[in-house]
Amino acid sequence: MKRSINWLTEYFSENSMEFVDIFKSSLPPKEKDLNRKTAKNLCGIVIPIRGECSFSVNGEKYALNENTILHCGSNMDIRVETEDIGIEYYVVHYKNILTIEKFQNIEKESFYLEIEDRLPLIKYCETISDESLNPDNYSRFSCKVDFLGLINSLIKM
């Protein structure tokens, strides 16, 4: 399902959440990554770095490319398939601490957003990824701050 930036702005402004982790993944051309699940009790934002693929979440198929961001809920079946071009992407996990009634089912849903420029999002992901390697309190705090910067950059698109 497609969501609007206005909907996403309301979601992030009305709910309390915190950054959990980030990782980078890739899949070469003409490959499949099957029989996996999204993280339990977390939501994830999938941000393509380069390439494209078919990304299925609980059987709903999305075309993931440089103009598409995907949001996945908790413990969902995922399937990633590439064609002639491979894919490289970040997954940013966050945890909902307090969710208003309107968004109670967010962890059971997936949706996508169309974007124009993913480069600011990738820069935030690179920064968060680098900071998350350090175990100190300031780095963990910086990850949380930059996660909010990532969300702010996403809703400004």
C-alpha atoms as a PDB file:
ATOM      1  CA  MET A   1       0.000   0.000   0.000  1.00  0.00           C
ATOM      2  CA  LYS A   2       1.198   3.500  -0.767  1.00  0.00           C
ATOM      3  CA  ARG A   3       1.255   6.148   1.937  1.00  0.00           C
ATOM      4  CA  SER A   4       1.539   9.910   1.616  1.00  0.00           C
ATOM      5  CA  ILE A   5       4.094  12.148   3.255  1.00  0.00           C
ATOM      6  CA  ASN A   6       1.244  13.826   5.176  1.00  0.00           C
ATOM      7  CA  TRP A   7       0.207  10.467   6.631  1.00  0.00           C
ATOM      8  CA  LEU A   8       3.820   9.679   7.544  1.00  0.00           C
ATOM      9  CA  THR A   9       4.263  13.103   9.153  1.00  0.00           C
ATOM     10  CA  GLU A  10       1.216  12.503  11.328  1.00  0.00           C
ATOM     11  CA  TYR A  11       2.435   9.009  12.241  1.00  0.00           C
ATOM     12  CA  PHE A  12       5.892  10.147  13.348  1.00  0.00           C
ATOM     13  CA  SER A  13       4.586  13.274  15.122  1.00  0.00           C
ATOM     14  CA  GLU A  14       1.907  11.442  17.125  1.00  0.00           C
ATOM     15  CA  ASN A  15       3.952   8.424  18.256  1.00  0.00           C
ATOM     16  CA  SER A  16       6.889   7.918  20.551  1.00  0.00           C
ATOM     17  CA  MET A  17       9.687   5.752  19.145  1.00  0.00           C
ATOM     18  CA  GLU A  18      13.388   5.109  19.459  1.00  0.00           C
ATOM     19  CA  PHE A  19      16.200   3.998  17.195  1.00  0.00           C
ATOM     20  CA  VAL A  20      17.335   0.373  17.678  1.00  0.00           C
ATOM     21  CA  ASP A  21      19.859  -0.525  14.976  1.00  0.00           C
ATOM     22  CA  ILE A  22      20.888  -0.255  11.344  1.00  0.00           C
ATOM     23  CA  PHE A  23      22.450  -2.625   8.850  1.00  0.00           C
ATOM     24  CA  LYS A  24      23.384  -2.712   5.193  1.00  0.00           C
ATOM     25  CA  SER A  25      22.411  -5.618   2.951  1.00  0.00           C
ATOM     26  CA  SER A  26      22.871  -6.495  -0.695  1.00  0.00           C
ATOM     27  CA  LEU A  27      21.791  -9.087  -3.216  1.00  0.00           C
ATOM     28  CA  PRO A  28      23.583  -9.678  -6.554  1.00  0.00           C
ATOM     29  CA  PRO A  29      21.767  -9.755  -9.914  1.00  0.00           C
ATOM     30  CA  LYS A  30      19.451 -12.700 -10.606  1.00  0.00           C
ATOM     31  CA  GLU A  31      19.418 -13.893  -6.988  1.00  0.00           C
ATOM     32  CA  LYS A  32      16.718 -14.616  -4.422  1.00  0.00           C
ATOM     33  CA  ASP A  33      16.680 -14.139  -0.667  1.00  0.00           C
ATOM     34  CA  LEU A  34      13.773 -16.218   0.601  1.00  0.00           C
ATOM     35  CA  ASN A  35      12.171 -17.505   3.781  1.00  0.00           C
ATOM     36  CA  ARG A  36      13.174 -14.707   6.125  1.00  0.00           C
ATOM     37  CA  LYS A  37      11.236 -12.534   8.532  1.00  0.00           C
ATOM     38  CA  THR A  38      11.455  -8.937   9.629  1.00  0.00           C
ATOM     39  CA  ALA A  39      12.618  -8.277  13.195  1.00  0.00           C
ATOM     40  CA  LYS A  40      10.173  -9.153  15.962  1.00  0.00           C
ATOM     41  CA  ASN A  41       8.636  -6.228  17.890  1.00  0.00           C
ATOM     42  CA  LEU A  42      10.377  -3.668  15.650  1.00  0.00           C
ATOM     43  CA  CYS A  43       9.549  -1.666  12.551  1.00  0.00           C
ATOM     44  CA  GLY A  44      12.028  -1.234   9.717  1.00  0.00           C
ATOM     45  CA  ILE A  45      12.609   1.361   7.042  1.00  0.00           C
ATOM     46  CA  VAL A  46      14.264   0.016   3.883  1.00  0.00           C
ATOM     47  CA  ILE A  47      16.280   2.646   2.021  1.00  0.00           C
ATOM     48  CA  PRO A  48      17.866   1.645  -1.307  1.00  0.00           C
ATOM     49  CA  ILE A  49      21.449   2.724  -1.884  1.00  0.00           C
ATOM     50  CA  ARG A  50      21.709   1.486  -5.473  1.00  0.00           C
ATOM     51  CA  GLY A  51      19.993  -0.992  -7.747  1.00  0.00           C
ATOM     52  CA  GLU A  52      16.478  -2.395  -7.716  1.00  0.00           C
ATOM     53  CA  CYS A  53      14.563  -5.498  -6.732  1.00  0.00           C
ATOM     54  CA  SER A  54      11.206  -7.018  -6.026  1.00  0.00           C
ATOM     55  CA  PHE A  55      10.701  -6.892  -2.252  1.00  0.00           C
ATOM     56  CA  SER A  56       7.711  -8.876  -0.967  1.00  0.00           C
ATOM     57  CA  VAL A  57       6.334  -8.409   2.540  1.00  0.00           C
ATOM     58  CA  ASN A  58       3.715 -10.934   3.673  1.00  0.00           C
ATOM     59  CA  GLY A  59       3.022 -11.669   0.012  1.00  0.00           C
ATOM     60  CA  GLU A  60       2.569  -8.018  -1.009  1.00  0.00           C
ATOM     61  CA  LYS A  61       5.085  -7.225  -3.739  1.00  0.00           C
ATOM     62  CA  TYR A  62       6.894  -3.871  -3.939  1.00  0.00           C
ATOM     63  CA  ALA A  63       9.284  -2.565  -6.586  1.00  0.00           C
ATOM     64  CA  LEU A  64      12.184  -1.241  -4.524  1.00  0.00           C
ATOM     65  CA  ASN A  65      14.373   1.270  -6.374  1.00  0.00           C
ATOM     66  CA  GLU A  66      16.029   4.668  -5.976  1.00  0.00           C
ATOM     67  CA  ASN A  67      12.623   6.392  -5.817  1.00  0.00           C
ATOM     68  CA  THR A  68      10.962   4.060  -3.317  1.00  0.00           C
ATOM     69  CA  ILE A  69      11.282   3.697   0.449  1.00  0.00           C
ATOM     70  CA  LEU A  70       9.665   0.712   2.146  1.00  0.00           C
ATOM     71  CA  HIS A  71       8.354   0.491   5.703  1.00  0.00           C
ATOM     72  CA  CYS A  72       7.894  -2.975   7.226  1.00  0.00           C
ATOM     73  CA  GLY A  73       6.200  -4.051  10.406  1.00  0.00           C
ATOM     74  CA  SER A  74       7.172  -6.712  12.910  1.00  0.00           C
ATOM     75  CA  ASN A  75       7.800 -10.410  12.227  1.00  0.00           C
ATOM     76  CA  MET A  76       6.654 -10.282   8.600  1.00  0.00           C
ATOM     77  CA  ASP A  77       7.619 -12.754   5.868  1.00  0.00           C
ATOM     78  CA  ILE A  78      10.028 -11.197   3.383  1.00  0.00           C
ATOM     79  CA  ARG A  79      11.262 -12.256  -0.023  1.00  0.00           C
ATOM     80  CA  VAL A  80      13.792 -10.308  -2.094  1.00  0.00           C
ATOM     81  CA  GLU A  81      14.408 -11.046  -5.781  1.00  0.00           C
ATOM     82  CA  THR A  82      16.676  -9.259  -8.239  1.00  0.00           C
ATOM     83  CA  GLU A  83      16.634  -9.282 -12.032  1.00  0.00           C
ATOM     84  CA  ASP A  84      19.457  -7.917 -14.212  1.00  0.00           C
ATOM     85  CA  ILE A  85      20.511  -5.401 -11.572  1.00  0.00           C
ATOM     86  CA  GLY A  86      21.339  -6.245  -7.973  1.00  0.00           C
ATOM     87  CA  ILE A  87      20.334  -4.221  -4.925  1.00  0.00           C
ATOM     88  CA  GLU A  88      22.115  -2.657  -1.975  1.00  0.00           C
ATOM     89  CA  TYR A  89      20.073  -1.106   0.824  1.00  0.00           C
ATOM     90  CA  TYR A  90      19.976  -0.003   4.447  1.00  0.00           C
ATOM     91  CA  VAL A  91      17.466  -1.270   6.988  1.00  0.00           C
ATOM     92  CA  VAL A  92      16.858   1.058   9.930  1.00  0.00           C
ATOM     93  CA  HIS A  93      15.050  -0.575  12.864  1.00  0.00           C
ATOM     94  CA  TYR A  94      13.107   1.383  15.423  1.00  0.00           C
ATOM     95  CA  LYS A  95      10.815   0.507  18.282  1.00  0.00           C
ATOM     96  CA  ASN A  96       7.449   2.076  18.982  1.00  0.00           C
ATOM     97  CA  ILE A  97       7.217   3.007  22.641  1.00  0.00           C
ATOM     98  CA  LEU A  98       3.807   4.648  22.604  1.00  0.00           C
ATOM     99  CA  THR A  99       1.430   4.518  19.636  1.00  0.00           C
ATOM    100  CA  ILE A 100      -1.909   6.310  19.385  1.00  0.00           C
ATOM    101  CA  GLU A 101      -4.978   4.268  18.486  1.00  0.00           C
ATOM    102  CA  LYS A 102      -5.032   5.363  14.832  1.00  0.00           C
ATOM    103  CA  PHE A 103      -1.610   3.740  14.283  1.00  0.00           C
ATOM    104  CA  GLN A 104      -1.989   0.666  16.514  1.00  0.00           C
ATOM    105  CA  ASN A 105      -1.661  -1.719  13.542  1.00  0.00           C
ATOM    106  CA  ILE A 106       1.530  -0.200  12.124  1.00  0.00           C
ATOM    107  CA  GLU A 107       3.579  -3.220  13.213  1.00  0.00           C
ATOM    108  CA  LYS A 108       1.239  -5.488  11.215  1.00  0.00           C
ATOM    109  CA  GLU A 109       1.428  -3.454   7.998  1.00  0.00           C
ATOM    110  CA  SER A 110       3.847  -2.627   5.239  1.00  0.00           C
ATOM    111  CA  PHE A 111       3.735   0.373   2.956  1.00  0.00           C
ATOM    112  CA  TYR A 112       5.878   2.339   0.553  1.00  0.00           C
ATOM    113  CA  LEU A 113       6.609   5.974  -0.175  1.00  0.00           C
ATOM    114  CA  GLU A 114       7.715   7.505  -3.424  1.00  0.00           C
ATOM    115  CA  ILE A 115      10.620   9.920  -2.998  1.00  0.00           C
ATOM    116  CA  GLU A 116      12.585  12.200  -5.276  1.00  0.00           C
ATOM    117  CA  ASP A 117      16.023  12.295  -3.657  1.00  0.00           C
ATOM    118  CA  ARG A 118      17.315   9.487  -1.471  1.00  0.00           C
ATOM    119  CA  LEU A 119      20.824  10.960  -1.054  1.00  0.00           C
ATOM    120  CA  PRO A 120      20.075  12.895   2.176  1.00  0.00           C
ATOM    121  CA  LEU A 121      18.601   9.686   3.623  1.00  0.00           C
ATOM    122  CA  ILE A 122      21.669   7.684   2.629  1.00  0.00           C
ATOM    123  CA  LYS A 123      23.942  10.274   4.270  1.00  0.00           C
ATOM    124  CA  TYR A 124      22.021   9.916   7.536  1.00  0.00           C
ATOM    125  CA  CYS A 125      22.214   6.128   7.247  1.00  0.00           C
ATOM    126  CA  GLU A 126      25.984   6.257   6.698  1.00  0.00           C
ATOM    127  CA  THR A 127      26.403   8.497   9.747  1.00  0.00           C
ATOM    128  CA  ILE A 128      24.161   6.331  11.940  1.00  0.00           C
ATOM    129  CA  SER A 129      25.930   3.186  10.740  1.00  0.00           C
ATOM    130  CA  ASP A 130      29.357   4.630  11.602  1.00  0.00           C
ATOM    131  CA  GLU A 131      28.190   5.929  15.000  1.00  0.00           C
ATOM    132  CA  SER A 132      26.538   2.632  15.919  1.00  0.00           C
ATOM    133  CA  LEU A 133      29.935   0.888  15.812  1.00  0.00           C
ATOM    134  CA  ASN A 134      31.031   2.778  18.932  1.00  0.00           C
ATOM    135  CA  PRO A 135      29.775   1.429  22.278  1.00  0.00           C
ATOM    136  CA  ASP A 136      29.953   4.715  24.215  1.00  0.00           C
ATOM    137  CA  ASN A 137      26.943   6.656  25.463  1.00  0.00           C
ATOM    138  CA  TYR A 138      27.574   9.700  23.297  1.00  0.00           C
ATOM    139  CA  SER A 139      27.582   7.570  20.119  1.00  0.00           C
ATOM    140  CA  ARG A 140      24.321   5.903  21.135  1.00  0.00           C
ATOM    141  CA  PHE A 141      22.825   9.331  21.808  1.00  0.00           C
ATOM    142  CA  SER A 142      24.097  10.578  18.422  1.00  0.00           C
ATOM    143  CA  CYS A 143      22.408   7.603  16.704  1.00  0.00           C
ATOM    144  CA  LYS A 144      19.095   8.586  18.285  1.00  0.00           C
ATOM    145  CA  VAL A 145      19.510  12.219  17.230  1.00  0.00           C
ATOM    146  CA  ASP A 146      20.503  11.271  13.674  1.00  0.00           C
ATOM    147  CA  PHE A 147      17.594   8.811  13.471  1.00  0.00           C
ATOM    148  CA  LEU A 148      15.267  11.757  14.105  1.00  0.00           C
ATOM    149  CA  GLY A 149      17.198  13.704  11.468  1.00  0.00           C
ATOM    150  CA  LEU A 150      16.613  10.819   9.052  1.00  0.00           C
ATOM    151  CA  ILE A 151      12.880  10.862   9.795  1.00  0.00           C
ATOM    152  CA  ASN A 152      12.787  14.657   9.439  1.00  0.00           C
ATOM    153  CA  SER A 153      14.582  14.420   6.090  1.00  0.00           C
ATOM    154  CA  LEU A 154      12.150  11.715   4.956  1.00  0.00           C
ATOM    155  CA  ILE A 155       9.018  13.692   5.753  1.00  0.00           C
ATOM    156  CA  LYS A 156      10.390  16.845   4.077  1.00  0.00           C
ATOM    157  CA  MET A 157      10.507  15.057   0.712  1.00  0.00           C
END
